[in-house]
Protein backbone atom coordinates (compact mmCIF):
# COMPACT_ATOMS: atom_id res chain seq x y z
CA MET A 1 0.00 0.00 0.00
CA ALA A 2 1.37 3.42 -0.92
CA ASN A 3 0.68 6.69 0.87
CA THR A 4 2.20 10.09 0.24
CA HIS A 5 1.46 11.59 3.65
CA SER A 6 1.12 8.97 6.35
CA THR A 7 3.98 7.99 8.67
CA ASP A 8 2.18 4.76 9.63
CA ALA A 9 4.62 1.85 9.94
CA ASN A 10 2.25 -0.31 7.88
CA THR A 11 2.28 1.96 4.82
CA TYR A 12 4.96 2.54 2.23
CA PHE A 13 5.94 6.17 1.91
CA VAL A 14 5.84 7.63 -1.61
CA PRO A 15 7.06 11.24 -1.85
CA HIS A 16 5.32 13.97 -3.76
CA GLY A 17 6.33 14.48 -7.38
CA SER A 18 9.92 15.73 -7.50
CA ARG A 19 11.56 17.95 -10.10
CA TRP A 20 15.07 16.76 -9.21
CA PRO A 21 15.23 13.72 -11.56
CA PHE A 22 14.39 15.98 -14.49
CA VAL A 23 16.86 18.67 -13.43
CA GLY A 24 19.50 16.03 -12.75
CA SER A 25 19.15 14.53 -16.23
CA ILE A 26 19.70 17.98 -17.76
CA ALA A 27 22.76 18.50 -15.54
CA MET A 28 24.29 15.15 -16.54
CA PHE A 29 23.64 15.79 -20.24
CA THR A 30 25.26 19.22 -19.94
CA THR A 31 28.27 17.72 -18.16
CA MET A 32 28.85 15.01 -20.76
CA PHE A 33 28.21 17.38 -23.66
CA GLY A 34 30.77 19.76 -22.20
CA VAL A 35 33.47 17.16 -21.56
CA ALA A 36 33.01 15.68 -25.06
CA ASN A 37 33.56 19.06 -26.65
CA TRP A 38 36.41 19.86 -24.25
CA LEU A 39 38.21 16.70 -25.38
CA ASN A 40 37.65 17.81 -28.98
CA GLU A 41 39.36 21.10 -28.10
CA THR A 42 36.44 23.49 -28.54
CA THR A 43 36.88 26.83 -26.81
CA TRP A 44 33.63 26.58 -24.84
CA GLY A 45 33.61 22.88 -23.93
CA LYS A 46 35.41 23.34 -20.63
CA TRP A 47 32.97 25.98 -19.40
CA VAL A 48 29.94 23.91 -20.37
CA PHE A 49 31.47 20.98 -18.45
CA PHE A 50 31.97 23.02 -15.28
CA ALA A 51 28.47 24.48 -15.61
CA GLY A 52 27.09 20.94 -15.81
CA VAL A 53 29.09 19.84 -12.77
CA PHE A 54 27.81 22.83 -10.80
CA MET A 55 24.22 22.03 -11.81
CA LEU A 56 24.69 18.39 -10.84
CA MET A 57 26.18 19.24 -7.44
CA ALA A 58 23.37 21.69 -6.71
CA THR A 59 20.77 19.12 -7.75
CA LEU A 60 22.26 16.41 -5.54
CA PHE A 61 22.50 18.81 -2.60
CA MET A 62 18.83 19.75 -2.86
CA TRP A 63 17.63 16.22 -3.65
CA PHE A 64 19.52 14.59 -0.80
CA GLY A 65 18.31 17.35 1.48
CA ASP A 66 14.72 16.35 0.71
CA VAL A 67 15.50 12.71 1.47
CA ILE A 68 17.18 13.62 4.77
CA ARG A 69 14.21 15.73 5.84
CA GLU A 70 11.81 12.90 4.97
CA SER A 71 13.89 10.52 7.07
CA LEU A 72 14.04 12.85 10.07
CA ARG A 73 10.26 13.33 9.93
CA GLY A 74 9.80 9.59 10.36
CA HIS A 75 8.35 8.81 6.94
CA TYR A 76 10.57 5.77 6.35
CA ASN A 77 9.56 2.41 7.78
CA LYS A 78 11.12 -1.05 7.48
CA GLN A 79 9.77 -1.54 3.97
CA VAL A 80 11.42 1.66 2.80
CA ASP A 81 14.63 0.64 4.57
CA VAL A 82 14.66 -2.64 2.64
CA SER A 83 14.12 -0.72 -0.61
CA PHE A 84 17.08 1.53 0.18
CA ARG A 85 19.28 -1.48 0.92
CA MET A 86 18.29 -3.23 -2.29
CA GLY A 87 18.91 -0.03 -4.23
CA MET A 88 22.39 0.35 -2.75
CA VAL A 89 23.22 -3.30 -3.47
CA TRP A 90 22.23 -2.89 -7.12
CA PHE A 91 24.12 0.38 -7.36
CA ILE A 92 27.33 -1.24 -6.08
CA PHE A 93 26.74 -4.17 -8.45
CA SER A 94 26.54 -1.71 -11.36
CA GLU A 95 29.84 -0.22 -10.19
CA VAL A 96 31.38 -3.70 -10.12
CA MET A 97 30.31 -4.16 -13.74
CA PHE A 98 31.67 -0.70 -14.60
CA PHE A 99 35.15 -1.50 -13.31
CA GLY A 100 34.86 -5.05 -14.62
CA ALA A 101 34.64 -3.64 -18.14
CA PHE A 102 37.90 -1.71 -17.70
CA PHE A 103 39.67 -4.64 -16.08
CA GLY A 104 38.40 -6.76 -18.98
CA ALA A 105 39.87 -4.27 -21.46
CA LEU A 106 43.20 -4.44 -19.66
CA PHE A 107 43.13 -8.25 -19.69
CA TYR A 108 42.23 -8.38 -23.39
CA ALA A 109 44.97 -5.94 -24.34
CA ARG A 110 47.64 -7.85 -22.42
CA GLN A 111 46.63 -11.44 -23.07
CA TYR A 112 45.26 -11.26 -26.61
CA ALA A 113 45.81 -8.01 -28.53
CA LEU A 114 49.45 -7.51 -27.58
CA PRO A 115 50.66 -11.04 -28.48
CA TRP A 116 48.72 -10.83 -31.74
CA LEU A 117 50.37 -7.52 -32.63
CA GLY A 118 53.71 -9.07 -31.74
CA GLY A 119 53.29 -11.82 -34.31
CA GLU A 120 52.13 -14.74 -32.18
CA GLY A 121 49.53 -17.14 -33.50
CA ASP A 122 47.24 -15.58 -36.12
CA GLY A 123 49.16 -12.32 -36.04
CA VAL A 124 52.35 -13.60 -37.69
CA MET A 125 51.54 -12.26 -41.15
CA THR A 126 50.10 -8.99 -39.87
CA ASN A 127 53.16 -8.34 -37.73
CA SER A 128 55.65 -8.99 -40.52
CA LEU A 129 53.81 -6.75 -42.98
CA LEU A 130 52.81 -3.85 -40.77
CA TRP A 131 54.90 -3.78 -37.58
CA ASP A 132 57.96 -5.87 -38.25
CA GLY A 133 60.18 -5.95 -35.20
CA PHE A 134 57.49 -4.82 -32.77
CA SER A 135 58.14 -6.30 -29.31
CA ALA A 136 55.02 -7.55 -27.54
CA ALA A 137 56.23 -6.66 -24.03
CA TRP A 138 54.01 -5.03 -21.42
CA PRO A 139 53.82 -2.13 -20.69
CA THR A 140 53.66 -0.84 -24.24
CA ALA A 141 52.57 2.22 -26.18
CA GLY A 142 51.66 -0.04 -29.10
CA PRO A 143 53.11 -0.25 -32.61
CA GLY A 144 54.70 3.03 -33.60
CA GLN A 145 55.14 4.03 -29.97
CA VAL A 146 51.91 6.05 -29.78
CA GLY A 147 52.54 9.00 -27.49
CA GLY A 148 56.29 8.36 -27.36
CA THR A 149 58.38 6.40 -24.92
CA PHE A 150 57.48 6.57 -21.24
CA LYS A 151 58.37 5.16 -17.85
CA THR A 152 56.00 3.40 -15.51
CA ILE A 153 55.32 4.24 -11.86
CA PRO A 154 56.99 1.79 -9.44
CA ALA A 155 54.46 -0.15 -7.39
CA TRP A 156 56.43 0.12 -4.16
CA GLY A 157 56.40 3.90 -3.90
CA LEU A 158 53.26 6.06 -3.77
CA PRO A 159 50.97 3.24 -4.98
CA LEU A 160 51.96 1.09 -1.99
CA LEU A 161 51.53 4.06 0.36
CA ASN A 162 48.07 4.74 -1.06
CA THR A 163 47.20 1.07 -0.65
CA LEU A 164 48.09 1.23 3.03
CA ILE A 165 46.10 4.46 3.38
CA LEU A 166 42.95 2.93 1.89
CA LEU A 167 43.29 -0.28 3.90
CA THR A 168 43.65 1.80 7.06
CA SER A 169 40.58 3.83 6.12
CA GLY A 170 38.61 0.59 5.84
CA VAL A 171 39.58 -0.17 9.44
CA THR A 172 38.74 3.32 10.73
CA ILE A 173 35.27 3.37 9.18
CA THR A 174 34.57 -0.08 10.65
CA ILE A 175 35.59 1.19 14.11
CA ALA A 176 33.34 4.22 13.58
CA HIS A 177 30.43 1.92 12.71
CA HIS A 178 30.93 -0.09 15.89
CA ALA A 179 31.08 3.16 17.87
CA LEU A 180 27.78 4.27 16.33
CA LYS A 181 26.09 0.99 17.25
CA ALA A 182 27.50 1.29 20.77
CA GLY A 183 26.25 4.86 21.14
CA LYS A 184 29.75 6.31 21.59
CA ARG A 185 29.39 9.59 19.75
CA LYS A 186 32.87 11.00 20.41
CA HIS A 187 34.53 7.83 19.18
CA LEU A 188 32.22 7.82 16.16
CA LEU A 189 33.13 11.37 15.16
CA PHE A 190 36.85 10.79 15.71
CA TRP A 191 37.14 7.62 13.65
CA LEU A 192 34.78 8.81 10.93
CA GLY A 193 36.75 12.06 10.72
CA ALA A 194 39.95 10.01 10.43
CA THR A 195 38.41 8.14 7.49
CA VAL A 196 37.62 11.42 5.73
CA LEU A 197 41.18 12.61 6.36
CA LEU A 198 42.63 9.38 4.96
CA GLY A 199 40.46 9.73 1.85
CA CYS A 200 41.76 13.27 1.30
CA THR A 201 45.34 12.07 1.84
CA PHE A 202 44.88 9.35 -0.78
CA LEU A 203 43.65 11.91 -3.31
CA TYR A 204 46.56 14.23 -2.52
CA PHE A 205 49.11 11.51 -3.21
CA GLN A 206 47.30 10.41 -6.35
CA ALA A 207 47.45 13.98 -7.64
CA LYS A 208 51.20 14.03 -6.93
CA GLU A 209 51.55 10.74 -8.78
CA TYR A 210 49.74 12.10 -11.83
CA ILE A 211 51.84 15.27 -11.89
CA HIS A 212 55.00 13.17 -11.65
CA ALA A 213 53.79 10.85 -14.43
CA TYR A 214 52.93 13.66 -16.83
CA HIS A 215 55.91 15.94 -16.26
CA GLU A 216 58.75 13.52 -15.52
CA LEU A 217 57.81 10.11 -16.93
CA ASN A 218 55.98 11.20 -20.10
CA LEU A 219 53.20 8.83 -19.01
CA THR A 220 49.98 10.45 -20.20
CA LEU A 221 46.50 9.47 -21.31
CA GLY A 222 47.89 9.47 -24.86
CA SER A 223 50.69 6.99 -24.11
CA GLY A 224 49.23 4.18 -26.17
CA ILE A 225 47.18 1.34 -24.73
CA TYR A 226 49.06 1.36 -21.43
CA GLY A 227 48.54 5.07 -20.81
CA SER A 228 44.85 4.95 -21.69
CA THR A 229 44.09 1.90 -19.50
CA PHE A 230 46.24 3.19 -16.64
CA PHE A 231 44.56 6.58 -16.44
CA MET A 232 41.06 5.27 -17.13
CA LEU A 233 41.30 2.74 -14.29
CA THR A 234 43.12 4.87 -11.74
CA GLY A 235 41.32 8.06 -12.77
CA PHE A 236 37.83 6.62 -12.42
CA HIS A 237 38.84 5.05 -9.13
CA GLY A 238 40.07 8.45 -7.95
CA ALA A 239 36.70 9.92 -8.95
CA HIS A 240 34.99 7.28 -6.83
CA VAL A 241 37.28 8.04 -3.89
CA THR A 242 36.42 11.72 -4.28
CA LEU A 243 32.69 10.95 -4.24
CA GLY A 244 33.12 8.61 -1.29
CA THR A 245 35.10 11.19 0.67
CA ILE A 246 32.40 13.81 0.07
CA MET A 247 29.72 11.38 1.23
CA LEU A 248 31.74 10.51 4.33
CA ALA A 249 32.13 14.21 5.15
CA ILE A 250 28.36 14.71 4.84
CA ILE A 251 27.71 11.68 7.05
CA TRP A 252 30.16 13.13 9.61
CA LEU A 253 28.11 16.35 9.70
CA ARG A 254 24.92 14.35 10.10
CA CYS A 255 26.46 12.33 12.92
CA ALA A 256 27.53 15.57 14.61
CA LYS A 257 23.92 16.76 14.43
CA GLY A 258 22.64 13.51 15.93
CA HIS A 259 20.73 12.31 12.87
CA PHE A 260 21.48 8.63 13.50
CA SER A 261 20.72 6.18 16.28
CA LYS A 262 22.31 2.81 16.96
CA ASP A 263 19.26 1.09 15.41
CA ASN A 264 18.54 3.49 12.54
CA HIS A 265 21.55 4.55 10.48
CA PHE A 266 21.34 3.03 7.02
CA ALA A 267 22.76 6.17 5.38
CA PHE A 268 25.96 5.55 7.34
CA GLU A 269 25.98 1.88 6.36
CA ALA A 270 25.40 2.66 2.68
CA VAL A 271 28.42 4.98 2.57
CA ALA A 272 30.48 2.39 4.47
CA TRP A 273 29.54 -0.28 1.91
CA TYR A 274 30.56 2.06 -0.88
CA TRP A 275 33.88 2.84 0.81
CA HIS A 276 34.72 -0.84 1.28
CA PHE A 277 33.92 -1.39 -2.41
CA VAL A 278 36.36 1.40 -3.32
CA ASP A 279 39.00 -0.31 -1.15
CA VAL A 280 38.54 -3.66 -2.88
CA VAL A 281 38.74 -2.11 -6.36
CA TRP A 282 42.00 -0.41 -5.42
CA LEU A 283 43.51 -3.74 -4.34
CA GLY A 284 42.72 -5.08 -7.81
CA LEU A 285 44.22 -1.97 -9.38
CA PHE A 286 47.38 -2.19 -7.30
CA LEU A 287 47.92 -5.82 -8.28
CA PHE A 288 47.02 -5.78 -11.98
CA VAL A 289 48.09 -2.24 -12.93
CA TYR A 290 51.12 -1.52 -10.76
CA VAL A 291 52.58 -4.89 -9.70
CA LEU A 292 52.00 -7.31 -12.60
């Protein structure tokens, strides 16, 4: 049974018609239209992109604010809670598929495309005619050295440090969750704040790594198949860490205002699930991109 006004535990709350999905779709279209034209070096693409990002951030701020107010007014019962949990599970599953596609591209390039270009198996004739002498060794910029020669980033420097940072953040958010369930507010705020700080630290070191790669190693997004897969995987992961850090900061503010109880705090749990997912993805990145 659906009801748009009642807070009865036996009814399923359905909010009034919202304009935010419509506004959000316009914001996302504007963002993607802007970035596409920016990459094609139009003079106005960058500004359209930033305008879209601003619209999207404003939309999310207002939309999430509505959801928070509905929660604090007691509109959400157990049925709604189950819906939120199912929605978050499917969202994380979609993110798994998203990164799975990029990991699949990396696997295909290394295990199939590269040996074929190097003249193994069915690529013998193609290699001798088009790219004679090409060495199928990873990492590679591909035949013709697309983007020029480059150096890779050693796994045991900043990547290892960032791995330790993210693993530590997974521990701190777990401690914060236990503190929330135990009703220890000071411990909750401390450990959750530490998680936010660790997320910011990770992003700082990743920015340093990118600057070093571009200016000193000639490793760029245009450095052949290795450069494109490296920056697509690590860049999108960095975007997810950024989003997760913002969400953690918002949850910290909500905890400080006393929005959650030890029995009712799914918003906290949802962000914690997301953060653990980000941690697991980074472990895969560290192994398959930096180490192997």
